[in-house]
Amino acid sequence: MREALVRECARYDLDYDRVIRLYSGVADDAQEMKRAWWDYVVLAAGVAVFIWLGLNARVPALAMNFAWVGVLTAILVLAAVGGAWVLWRSTRFS
């Protein structure tokens, strides 16, 4: 890990000691760990988008053919049972 950090610090012209302090959660002063104002703007924008999408969401009309639902459910159950049986034969669930 140290070699990778040294390589990346050299690549991006970062101070290795500062990166180690920040990586371990230890900062010299509170200013290093303080978030910028735009971090909160980005967070608020993301929350606003999710709220807007949630308020405008509607349940779509979905017509289902219950015969096909039964067939697909049977196939799913058979696949699950078959997969469990193969797994049990090869590993005995251990």
PDB file of N, CA and C in Angstrom:
ATOM      1  N   MET A   1       0.828  -1.179   0.000  1.00  0.00           N
ATOM      2  CA  MET A   1       0.000   0.000   0.000  1.00  0.00           C
ATOM      3  C   MET A   1       0.879   1.251   0.000  1.00  0.00           C
ATOM      4  N   ARG A   2       1.969   1.183   0.750  1.00  0.00           N
ATOM      5  CA  ARG A   2       2.857   2.345   0.829  1.00  0.00           C
ATOM      6  C   ARG A   2       3.430   2.687  -0.537  1.00  0.00           C
ATOM      7  N   GLU A   3       3.850   1.664  -1.277  1.00  0.00           N
ATOM      8  CA  GLU A   3       4.420   1.906  -2.601  1.00  0.00           C
ATOM      9  C   GLU A   3       3.386   2.536  -3.538  1.00  0.00           C
ATOM     10  N   ALA A   4       2.148   2.077  -3.454  1.00  0.00           N
ATOM     11  CA  ALA A   4       1.096   2.635  -4.297  1.00  0.00           C
ATOM     12  C   ALA A   4       0.836   4.089  -3.924  1.00  0.00           C
ATOM     13  N   LEU A   5       0.814   4.397  -2.628  1.00  0.00           N
ATOM     14  CA  LEU A   5       0.608   5.784  -2.201  1.00  0.00           C
ATOM     15  C   LEU A   5       1.749   6.683  -2.641  1.00  0.00           C
ATOM     16  N   VAL A   6       2.976   6.205  -2.521  1.00  0.00           N
ATOM     17  CA  VAL A   6       4.135   7.003  -2.962  1.00  0.00           C
ATOM     18  C   VAL A   6       4.035   7.257  -4.457  1.00  0.00           C
ATOM     19  N   ARG A   7       3.689   6.229  -5.226  1.00  0.00           N
ATOM     20  CA  ARG A   7       3.574   6.371  -6.680  1.00  0.00           C
ATOM     21  C   ARG A   7       2.483   7.380  -7.056  1.00  0.00           C
ATOM     22  N   GLU A   8       1.322   7.276  -6.407  1.00  0.00           N
ATOM     23  CA  GLU A   8       0.227   8.190  -6.735  1.00  0.00           C
ATOM     24  C   GLU A   8       0.511   9.623  -6.258  1.00  0.00           C
ATOM     25  N   CYS A   9       1.178   9.749  -5.115  1.00  0.00           N
ATOM     26  CA  CYS A   9       1.557  11.094  -4.650  1.00  0.00           C
ATOM     27  C   CYS A   9       2.535  11.738  -5.619  1.00  0.00           C
ATOM     28  N   ALA A  10       3.460  10.949  -6.143  1.00  0.00           N
ATOM     29  CA  ALA A  10       4.394  11.485  -7.127  1.00  0.00           C
ATOM     30  C   ALA A  10       3.671  11.846  -8.424  1.00  0.00           C
ATOM     31  N   ARG A  11       2.727  11.028  -8.827  1.00  0.00           N
ATOM     32  CA  ARG A  11       2.002  11.270 -10.072  1.00  0.00           C
ATOM     33  C   ARG A  11       1.165  12.539 -10.004  1.00  0.00           C
ATOM     34  N   TYR A  12       0.489  12.759  -8.873  1.00  0.00           N
ATOM     35  CA  TYR A  12      -0.418  13.901  -8.749  1.00  0.00           C
ATOM     36  C   TYR A  12       0.162  15.052  -7.931  1.00  0.00           C
ATOM     37  N   ASP A  13       1.451  14.986  -7.631  1.00  0.00           N
ATOM     38  CA  ASP A  13       2.161  16.050  -6.915  1.00  0.00           C
ATOM     39  C   ASP A  13       1.489  16.361  -5.582  1.00  0.00           C
ATOM     40  N   LEU A  14       1.287  15.314  -4.768  1.00  0.00           N
ATOM     41  CA  LEU A  14       0.678  15.460  -3.447  1.00  0.00           C
ATOM     42  C   LEU A  14       1.729  15.262  -2.369  1.00  0.00           C
ATOM     43  N   ASP A  15       1.470  15.830  -1.204  1.00  0.00           N
ATOM     44  CA  ASP A  15       2.355  15.666  -0.053  1.00  0.00           C
ATOM     45  C   ASP A  15       2.036  14.324   0.608  1.00  0.00           C
ATOM     46  N   TYR A  16       3.007  13.419   0.602  1.00  0.00           N
ATOM     47  CA  TYR A  16       2.792  12.064   1.120  1.00  0.00           C
ATOM     48  C   TYR A  16       2.374  12.084   2.587  1.00  0.00           C
ATOM     49  N   ASP A  17       3.047  12.890   3.421  1.00  0.00           N
ATOM     50  CA  ASP A  17       2.719  12.923   4.850  1.00  0.00           C
ATOM     51  C   ASP A  17       1.291  13.413   5.082  1.00  0.00           C
ATOM     52  N   ARG A  18       0.863  14.418   4.327  1.00  0.00           N
ATOM     53  CA  ARG A  18      -0.503  14.934   4.474  1.00  0.00           C
ATOM     54  C   ARG A  18      -1.512  13.867   4.049  1.00  0.00           C
ATOM     55  N   VAL A  19      -1.216  13.141   2.970  1.00  0.00           N
ATOM     56  CA  VAL A  19      -2.117  12.083   2.503  1.00  0.00           C
ATOM     57  C   VAL A  19      -2.241  11.001   3.568  1.00  0.00           C
ATOM     58  N   ILE A  20      -1.140  10.616   4.181  1.00  0.00           N
ATOM     59  CA  ILE A  20      -1.172   9.597   5.240  1.00  0.00           C
ATOM     60  C   ILE A  20      -1.999  10.087   6.424  1.00  0.00           C
ATOM     61  N   ARG A  21      -1.819  11.357   6.823  1.00  0.00           N
ATOM     62  CA  ARG A  21      -2.608  11.897   7.940  1.00  0.00           C
ATOM     63  C   ARG A  21      -4.097  11.890   7.618  1.00  0.00           C
ATOM     64  N   LEU A  22      -4.445  12.351   6.430  1.00  0.00           N
ATOM     65  CA  LEU A  22      -5.857  12.395   6.051  1.00  0.00           C
ATOM     66  C   LEU A  22      -6.425  10.992   5.874  1.00  0.00           C
ATOM     67  N   TYR A  23      -5.639  10.079   5.350  1.00  0.00           N
ATOM     68  CA  TYR A  23      -6.070   8.698   5.142  1.00  0.00           C
ATOM     69  C   TYR A  23      -6.356   8.011   6.475  1.00  0.00           C
ATOM     70  N   SER A  24      -5.555   8.333   7.493  1.00  0.00           N
ATOM     71  CA  SER A  24      -5.748   7.718   8.805  1.00  0.00           C
ATOM     72  C   SER A  24      -6.761   8.469   9.658  1.00  0.00           C
ATOM     73  N   GLY A  25      -7.223   9.631   9.183  1.00  0.00           N
ATOM     74  CA  GLY A  25      -8.235  10.388   9.915  1.00  0.00           C
ATOM     75  C   GLY A  25      -7.661  11.349  10.927  1.00  0.00           C
ATOM     76  N   VAL A  26      -6.352  11.551  10.893  1.00  0.00           N
ATOM     77  CA  VAL A  26      -5.707  12.460  11.826  1.00  0.00           C
ATOM     78  C   VAL A  26      -5.251  13.692  11.050  1.00  0.00           C
ATOM     79  N   ALA A  27      -5.765  14.840  11.432  1.00  0.00           N
ATOM     80  CA  ALA A  27      -5.378  16.084  10.760  1.00  0.00           C
ATOM     81  C   ALA A  27      -4.669  16.988  11.760  1.00  0.00           C
ATOM     82  N   ASP A  28      -3.783  17.846  11.253  1.00  0.00           N
ATOM     83  CA  ASP A  28      -3.067  18.777  12.120  1.00  0.00           C
ATOM     84  C   ASP A  28      -4.008  19.809  12.715  1.00  0.00           C
ATOM     85  N   ASP A  29      -4.946  20.257  11.922  1.00  0.00           N
ATOM     86  CA  ASP A  29      -5.901  21.235  12.420  1.00  0.00           C
ATOM     87  C   ASP A  29      -7.283  20.917  11.855  1.00  0.00           C
ATOM     88  N   ALA A  30      -8.278  21.549  12.391  1.00  0.00           N
ATOM     89  CA  ALA A  30      -9.660  21.282  11.983  1.00  0.00           C
ATOM     90  C   ALA A  30      -9.923  21.764  10.567  1.00  0.00           C
ATOM     91  N   GLN A  31      -9.143  22.707  10.074  1.00  0.00           N
ATOM     92  CA  GLN A  31      -9.368  23.254   8.734  1.00  0.00           C
ATOM     93  C   GLN A  31      -9.141  22.188   7.658  1.00  0.00           C
ATOM     94  N   GLU A  32      -8.180  21.288   7.864  1.00  0.00           N
ATOM     95  CA  GLU A  32      -7.906  20.257   6.864  1.00  0.00           C
ATOM     96  C   GLU A  32      -9.091  19.317   6.687  1.00  0.00           C
ATOM     97  N   MET A  33      -9.836  19.061   7.763  1.00  0.00           N
ATOM     98  CA  MET A  33     -10.945  18.116   7.708  1.00  0.00           C
ATOM     99  C   MET A  33     -12.275  18.797   7.416  1.00  0.00           C
ATOM    100  N   LYS A  34     -12.297  20.117   7.332  1.00  0.00           N
ATOM    101  CA  LYS A  34     -13.532  20.846   7.107  1.00  0.00           C
ATOM    102  C   LYS A  34     -13.957  20.720   5.645  1.00  0.00           C
ATOM    103  N   ARG A  35     -15.235  20.553   5.428  1.00  0.00           N
ATOM    104  CA  ARG A  35     -15.757  20.437   4.070  1.00  0.00           C
ATOM    105  C   ARG A  35     -15.973  21.818   3.462  1.00  0.00           C
ATOM    106  N   ALA A  36     -15.848  21.890   2.147  1.00  0.00           N
ATOM    107  CA  ALA A  36     -16.081  23.137   1.435  1.00  0.00           C
ATOM    108  C   ALA A  36     -17.585  23.376   1.316  1.00  0.00           C
ATOM    109  N   TRP A  37     -17.964  24.630   1.086  1.00  0.00           N
ATOM    110  CA  TRP A  37     -19.388  24.977   1.003  1.00  0.00           C
ATOM    111  C   TRP A  37     -20.070  24.281  -0.156  1.00  0.00           C
ATOM    112  N   TRP A  38     -19.334  24.044  -1.246  1.00  0.00           N
ATOM    113  CA  TRP A  38     -19.951  23.435  -2.417  1.00  0.00           C
ATOM    114  C   TRP A  38     -20.233  21.955  -2.207  1.00  0.00           C
ATOM    115  N   ASP A  39     -19.587  21.317  -1.219  1.00  0.00           N
ATOM    116  CA  ASP A  39     -19.933  19.936  -0.885  1.00  0.00           C
ATOM    117  C   ASP A  39     -21.392  19.862  -0.430  1.00  0.00           C
ATOM    118  N   TYR A  40     -21.811  20.848   0.349  1.00  0.00           N
ATOM    119  CA  TYR A  40     -23.190  20.866   0.835  1.00  0.00           C
ATOM    120  C   TYR A  40     -24.165  21.216  -0.286  1.00  0.00           C
ATOM    121  N   VAL A  41     -23.729  22.036  -1.239  1.00  0.00           N
ATOM    122  CA  VAL A  41     -24.576  22.357  -2.388  1.00  0.00           C
ATOM    123  C   VAL A  41     -24.810  21.112  -3.236  1.00  0.00           C
ATOM    124  N   VAL A  42     -23.770  20.331  -3.479  1.00  0.00           N
ATOM    125  CA  VAL A  42     -23.891  19.104  -4.251  1.00  0.00           C
ATOM    126  C   VAL A  42     -24.814  18.117  -3.528  1.00  0.00           C
ATOM    127  N   LEU A  43     -24.653  17.986  -2.218  1.00  0.00           N
ATOM    128  CA  LEU A  43     -25.509  17.109  -1.434  1.00  0.00           C
ATOM    129  C   LEU A  43     -26.964  17.557  -1.491  1.00  0.00           C
ATOM    130  N   ALA A  44     -27.203  18.854  -1.324  1.00  0.00           N
ATOM    131  CA  ALA A  44     -28.573  19.380  -1.370  1.00  0.00           C
ATOM    132  C   ALA A  44     -29.192  19.178  -2.750  1.00  0.00           C
ATOM    133  N   ALA A  45     -28.413  19.361  -3.803  1.00  0.00           N
ATOM    134  CA  ALA A  45     -28.932  19.159  -5.158  1.00  0.00           C
ATOM    135  C   ALA A  45     -29.315  17.698  -5.378  1.00  0.00           C
ATOM    136  N   GLY A  46     -28.498  16.787  -4.898  1.00  0.00           N
ATOM    137  CA  GLY A  46     -28.811  15.367  -5.037  1.00  0.00           C
ATOM    138  C   GLY A  46     -30.072  14.989  -4.286  1.00  0.00           C
ATOM    139  N   VAL A  47     -30.208  15.486  -3.065  1.00  0.00           N
ATOM    140  CA  VAL A  47     -31.408  15.209  -2.276  1.00  0.00           C
ATOM    141  C   VAL A  47     -32.634  15.817  -2.949  1.00  0.00           C
ATOM    142  N   ALA A  48     -32.496  17.027  -3.492  1.00  0.00           N
ATOM    143  CA  ALA A  48     -33.616  17.678  -4.170  1.00  0.00           C
ATOM    144  C   ALA A  48     -34.059  16.890  -5.395  1.00  0.00           C
ATOM    145  N   VAL A  49     -33.107  16.358  -6.151  1.00  0.00           N
ATOM    146  CA  VAL A  49     -33.461  15.551  -7.326  1.00  0.00           C
ATOM    147  C   VAL A  49     -34.240  14.311  -6.899  1.00  0.00           C
ATOM    148  N   PHE A  50     -33.800  13.621  -5.857  1.00  0.00           N
ATOM    149  CA  PHE A  50     -34.504  12.426  -5.406  1.00  0.00           C
ATOM    150  C   PHE A  50     -35.893  12.766  -4.875  1.00  0.00           C
ATOM    151  N   ILE A  51     -36.014  13.859  -4.164  1.00  0.00           N
ATOM    152  CA  ILE A  51     -37.333  14.268  -3.668  1.00  0.00           C
ATOM    153  C   ILE A  51     -38.252  14.595  -4.836  1.00  0.00           C
ATOM    154  N   TRP A  52     -37.743  15.359  -5.816  1.00  0.00           N
ATOM    155  CA  TRP A  52     -38.547  15.711  -6.980  1.00  0.00           C
ATOM    156  C   TRP A  52     -38.995  14.462  -7.742  1.00  0.00           C
ATOM    157  N   LEU A  53     -38.069  13.520  -7.964  1.00  0.00           N
ATOM    158  CA  LEU A  53     -38.421  12.276  -8.656  1.00  0.00           C
ATOM    159  C   LEU A  53     -39.444  11.480  -7.861  1.00  0.00           C
ATOM    160  N   GLY A  54     -39.293  11.451  -6.533  1.00  0.00           N
ATOM    161  CA  GLY A  54     -40.240  10.717  -5.699  1.00  0.00           C
ATOM    162  C   GLY A  54     -41.621  11.335  -5.709  1.00  0.00           C
ATOM    163  N   LEU A  55     -41.694  12.642  -5.716  1.00  0.00           N
ATOM    164  CA  LEU A  55     -42.997  13.308  -5.729  1.00  0.00           C
ATOM    165  C   LEU A  55     -43.704  13.153  -7.077  1.00  0.00           C
ATOM    166  N   ASN A  56     -42.945  13.020  -8.147  1.00  0.00           N
ATOM    167  CA  ASN A  56     -43.534  12.899  -9.480  1.00  0.00           C
ATOM    168  C   ASN A  56     -43.679  11.451  -9.943  1.00  0.00           C
ATOM    169  N   ALA A  57     -43.340  10.508  -9.100  1.00  0.00           N
ATOM    170  CA  ALA A  57     -43.420   9.095  -9.481  1.00  0.00           C
ATOM    171  C   ALA A  57     -44.870   8.620  -9.460  1.00  0.00           C
ATOM    172  N   ARG A  58     -45.207   7.786 -10.390  1.00  0.00           N
ATOM    173  CA  ARG A  58     -46.527   7.179 -10.469  1.00  0.00           C
ATOM    174  C   ARG A  58     -46.361   5.676 -10.674  1.00  0.00           C
ATOM    175  N   VAL A  59     -47.283   4.914 -10.143  1.00  0.00           N
ATOM    176  CA  VAL A  59     -47.264   3.469 -10.348  1.00  0.00           C
ATOM    177  C   VAL A  59     -47.784   3.199 -11.755  1.00  0.00           C
ATOM    178  N   PRO A  60     -46.995   2.537 -12.594  1.00  0.00           N
ATOM    179  CA  PRO A  60     -47.451   2.303 -13.962  1.00  0.00           C
ATOM    180  C   PRO A  60     -48.532   1.216 -14.005  1.00  0.00           C
ATOM    181  N   ALA A  61     -49.402   1.337 -14.988  1.00  0.00           N
ATOM    182  CA  ALA A  61     -50.402   0.304 -15.197  1.00  0.00           C
ATOM    183  C   ALA A  61     -49.691  -0.918 -15.778  1.00  0.00           C
ATOM    184  N   LEU A  62     -49.950  -2.055 -15.198  1.00  0.00           N
ATOM    185  CA  LEU A  62     -49.253  -3.263 -15.613  1.00  0.00           C
ATOM    186  C   LEU A  62     -50.270  -4.379 -15.786  1.00  0.00           C
ATOM    187  N   ALA A  63     -50.484  -4.761 -17.021  1.00  0.00           N
ATOM    188  CA  ALA A  63     -51.404  -5.860 -17.305  1.00  0.00           C
ATOM    189  C   ALA A  63     -50.615  -7.158 -17.263  1.00  0.00           C
ATOM    190  N   MET A  64     -51.096  -8.109 -16.481  1.00  0.00           N
ATOM    191  CA  MET A  64     -50.386  -9.375 -16.346  1.00  0.00           C
ATOM    192  C   MET A  64     -51.271 -10.528 -16.796  1.00  0.00           C
ATOM    193  N   ASN A  65     -50.656 -11.476 -17.473  1.00  0.00           N
ATOM    194  CA  ASN A  65     -51.311 -12.717 -17.830  1.00  0.00           C
ATOM    195  C   ASN A  65     -50.890 -13.723 -16.767  1.00  0.00           C
ATOM    196  N   PHE A  66     -51.825 -14.101 -15.896  1.00  0.00           N
ATOM    197  CA  PHE A  66     -51.472 -14.938 -14.757  1.00  0.00           C
ATOM    198  C   PHE A  66     -51.066 -16.349 -15.160  1.00  0.00           C
ATOM    199  N   ALA A  67     -51.410 -16.781 -16.344  1.00  0.00           N
ATOM    200  CA  ALA A  67     -50.931 -18.081 -16.816  1.00  0.00           C
ATOM    201  C   ALA A  67     -49.416 -18.036 -17.013  1.00  0.00           C
ATOM    202  N   TRP A  68     -48.920 -16.944 -17.648  1.00  0.00           N
ATOM    203  CA  TRP A  68     -47.480 -16.803 -17.837  1.00  0.00           C
ATOM    204  C   TRP A  68     -46.766 -16.554 -16.515  1.00  0.00           C
ATOM    205  N   VAL A  69     -47.411 -15.868 -15.615  1.00  0.00           N
ATOM    206  CA  VAL A  69     -46.818 -15.659 -14.291  1.00  0.00           C
ATOM    207  C   VAL A  69     -46.606 -17.017 -13.619  1.00  0.00           C
ATOM    208  N   GLY A  70     -47.585 -17.897 -13.729  1.00  0.00           N
ATOM    209  CA  GLY A  70     -47.457 -19.242 -13.154  1.00  0.00           C
ATOM    210  C   GLY A  70     -46.354 -20.042 -13.808  1.00  0.00           C
ATOM    211  N   VAL A  71     -46.269 -19.977 -15.144  1.00  0.00           N
ATOM    212  CA  VAL A  71     -45.221 -20.714 -15.861  1.00  0.00           C
ATOM    213  C   VAL A  71     -43.840 -20.195 -15.466  1.00  0.00           C
ATOM    214  N   LEU A  72     -43.663 -18.881 -15.442  1.00  0.00           N
ATOM    215  CA  LEU A  72     -42.363 -18.313 -15.076  1.00  0.00           C
ATOM    216  C   LEU A  72     -42.005 -18.592 -13.618  1.00  0.00           C
ATOM    217  N   THR A  73     -43.009 -18.591 -12.735  1.00  0.00           N
ATOM    218  CA  THR A  73     -42.763 -18.928 -11.333  1.00  0.00           C
ATOM    219  C   THR A  73     -42.318 -20.374 -11.199  1.00  0.00           C
ATOM    220  N   ALA A  74     -42.961 -21.273 -11.935  1.00  0.00           N
ATOM    221  CA  ALA A  74     -42.567 -22.687 -11.895  1.00  0.00           C
ATOM    222  C   ALA A  74     -41.138 -22.860 -12.395  1.00  0.00           C
ATOM    223  N   ILE A  75     -40.791 -22.180 -13.480  1.00  0.00           N
ATOM    224  CA  ILE A  75     -39.422 -22.261 -14.004  1.00  0.00           C
ATOM    225  C   ILE A  75     -38.424 -21.734 -12.978  1.00  0.00           C
ATOM    226  N   LEU A  76     -38.761 -20.631 -12.315  1.00  0.00           N
ATOM    227  CA  LEU A  76     -37.879 -20.058 -11.304  1.00  0.00           C
ATOM    228  C   LEU A  76     -37.685 -21.019 -10.135  1.00  0.00           C
ATOM    229  N   VAL A  77     -38.773 -21.626  -9.674  1.00  0.00           N
ATOM    230  CA  VAL A  77     -38.673 -22.568  -8.549  1.00  0.00           C
ATOM    231  C   VAL A  77     -37.860 -23.786  -8.955  1.00  0.00           C
ATOM    232  N   LEU A  78     -38.083 -24.308 -10.152  1.00  0.00           N
ATOM    233  CA  LEU A  78     -37.304 -25.460 -10.623  1.00  0.00           C
ATOM    234  C   LEU A  78     -35.822 -25.115 -10.755  1.00  0.00           C
ATOM    235  N   ALA A  79     -35.515 -23.930 -11.250  1.00  0.00           N
ATOM    236  CA  ALA A  79     -34.111 -23.517 -11.365  1.00  0.00           C
ATOM    237  C   ALA A  79     -33.468 -23.385  -9.988  1.00  0.00           C
ATOM    238  N   ALA A  80     -34.197 -22.839  -9.023  1.00  0.00           N
ATOM    239  CA  ALA A  80     -33.655 -22.702  -7.668  1.00  0.00           C
ATOM    240  C   ALA A  80     -33.424 -24.062  -7.029  1.00  0.00           C
ATOM    241  N   VAL A  81     -34.380 -24.967  -7.193  1.00  0.00           N
ATOM    242  CA  VAL A  81     -34.228 -26.319  -6.626  1.00  0.00           C
ATOM    243  C   VAL A  81     -33.078 -27.043  -7.314  1.00  0.00           C
ATOM    244  N   GLY A  82     -32.994 -26.940  -8.639  1.00  0.00           N
ATOM    245  CA  GLY A  82     -31.901 -27.586  -9.371  1.00  0.00           C
ATOM    246  C   GLY A  82     -30.546 -27.031  -8.979  1.00  0.00           C
ATOM    247  N   GLY A  83     -30.446 -25.709  -8.845  1.00  0.00           N
ATOM    248  CA  GLY A  83     -29.174 -25.102  -8.435  1.00  0.00           C
ATOM    249  C   GLY A  83     -28.778 -25.505  -7.030  1.00  0.00           C
ATOM    250  N   ALA A  84     -29.757 -25.556  -6.120  1.00  0.00           N
ATOM    251  CA  ALA A  84     -29.472 -25.981  -4.747  1.00  0.00           C
ATOM    252  C   ALA A  84     -29.032 -27.436  -4.714  1.00  0.00           C
ATOM    253  N   TRP A  85     -29.656 -28.279  -5.543  1.00  0.00           N
ATOM    254  CA  TRP A  85     -29.289 -29.701  -5.566  1.00  0.00           C
ATOM    255  C   TRP A  85     -27.862 -29.878  -6.086  1.00  0.00           C
ATOM    256  N   VAL A  86     -27.502 -29.160  -7.162  1.00  0.00           N
ATOM    257  CA  VAL A  86     -26.136 -29.250  -7.699  1.00  0.00           C
ATOM    258  C   VAL A  86     -25.131 -28.729  -6.678  1.00  0.00           C
ATOM    259  N   LEU A  87     -25.455 -27.640  -6.000  1.00  0.00           N
ATOM    260  CA  LEU A  87     -24.564 -27.102  -4.976  1.00  0.00           C
ATOM    261  C   LEU A  87     -24.411 -28.075  -3.827  1.00  0.00           C
ATOM    262  N   TRP A  88     -25.500 -28.716  -3.434  1.00  0.00           N
ATOM    263  CA  TRP A  88     -25.427 -29.678  -2.333  1.00  0.00           C
ATOM    264  C   TRP A  88     -24.575 -30.873  -2.720  1.00  0.00           C
ATOM    265  N   ARG A  89     -24.723 -31.349  -3.964  1.00  0.00           N
ATOM    266  CA  ARG A  89     -23.926 -32.515  -4.419  1.00  0.00           C
ATOM    267  C   ARG A  89     -22.441 -32.191  -4.453  1.00  0.00           C
ATOM    268  N   SER A  90     -22.092 -30.955  -4.836  1.00  0.00           N
ATOM    269  CA  SER A  90     -20.672 -30.633  -4.979  1.00  0.00           C
ATOM    270  C   SER A  90     -20.019 -30.156  -3.689  1.00  0.00           C
ATOM    271  N   THR A  91     -20.788 -29.535  -2.791  1.00  0.00           N
ATOM    272  CA  THR A  91     -20.165 -28.986  -1.586  1.00  0.00           C
ATOM    273  C   THR A  91     -20.778 -29.505  -0.288  1.00  0.00           C
ATOM    274  N   ARG A  92     -21.916 -30.174  -0.352  1.00  0.00           N
ATOM    275  CA  ARG A  92     -22.662 -30.591   0.846  1.00  0.00           C
ATOM    276  C   ARG A  92     -22.943 -29.396   1.765  1.00  0.00           C
ATOM    277  N   PHE A  93     -23.061 -28.190   1.125  1.00  0.00           N
ATOM    278  CA  PHE A  93     -23.340 -26.934   1.834  1.00  0.00           C
ATOM    279  C   PHE A  93     -22.344 -26.670   2.954  1.00  0.00           C
ATOM    280  N   SER A  94     -21.088 -26.988   2.708  1.00  0.00           N
ATOM    281  CA  SER A  94     -20.097 -26.716   3.746  1.00  0.00           C
ATOM    282  C   SER A  94     -19.120 -25.655   3.314  1.00  0.00           C
TER     283      SER A  94
END
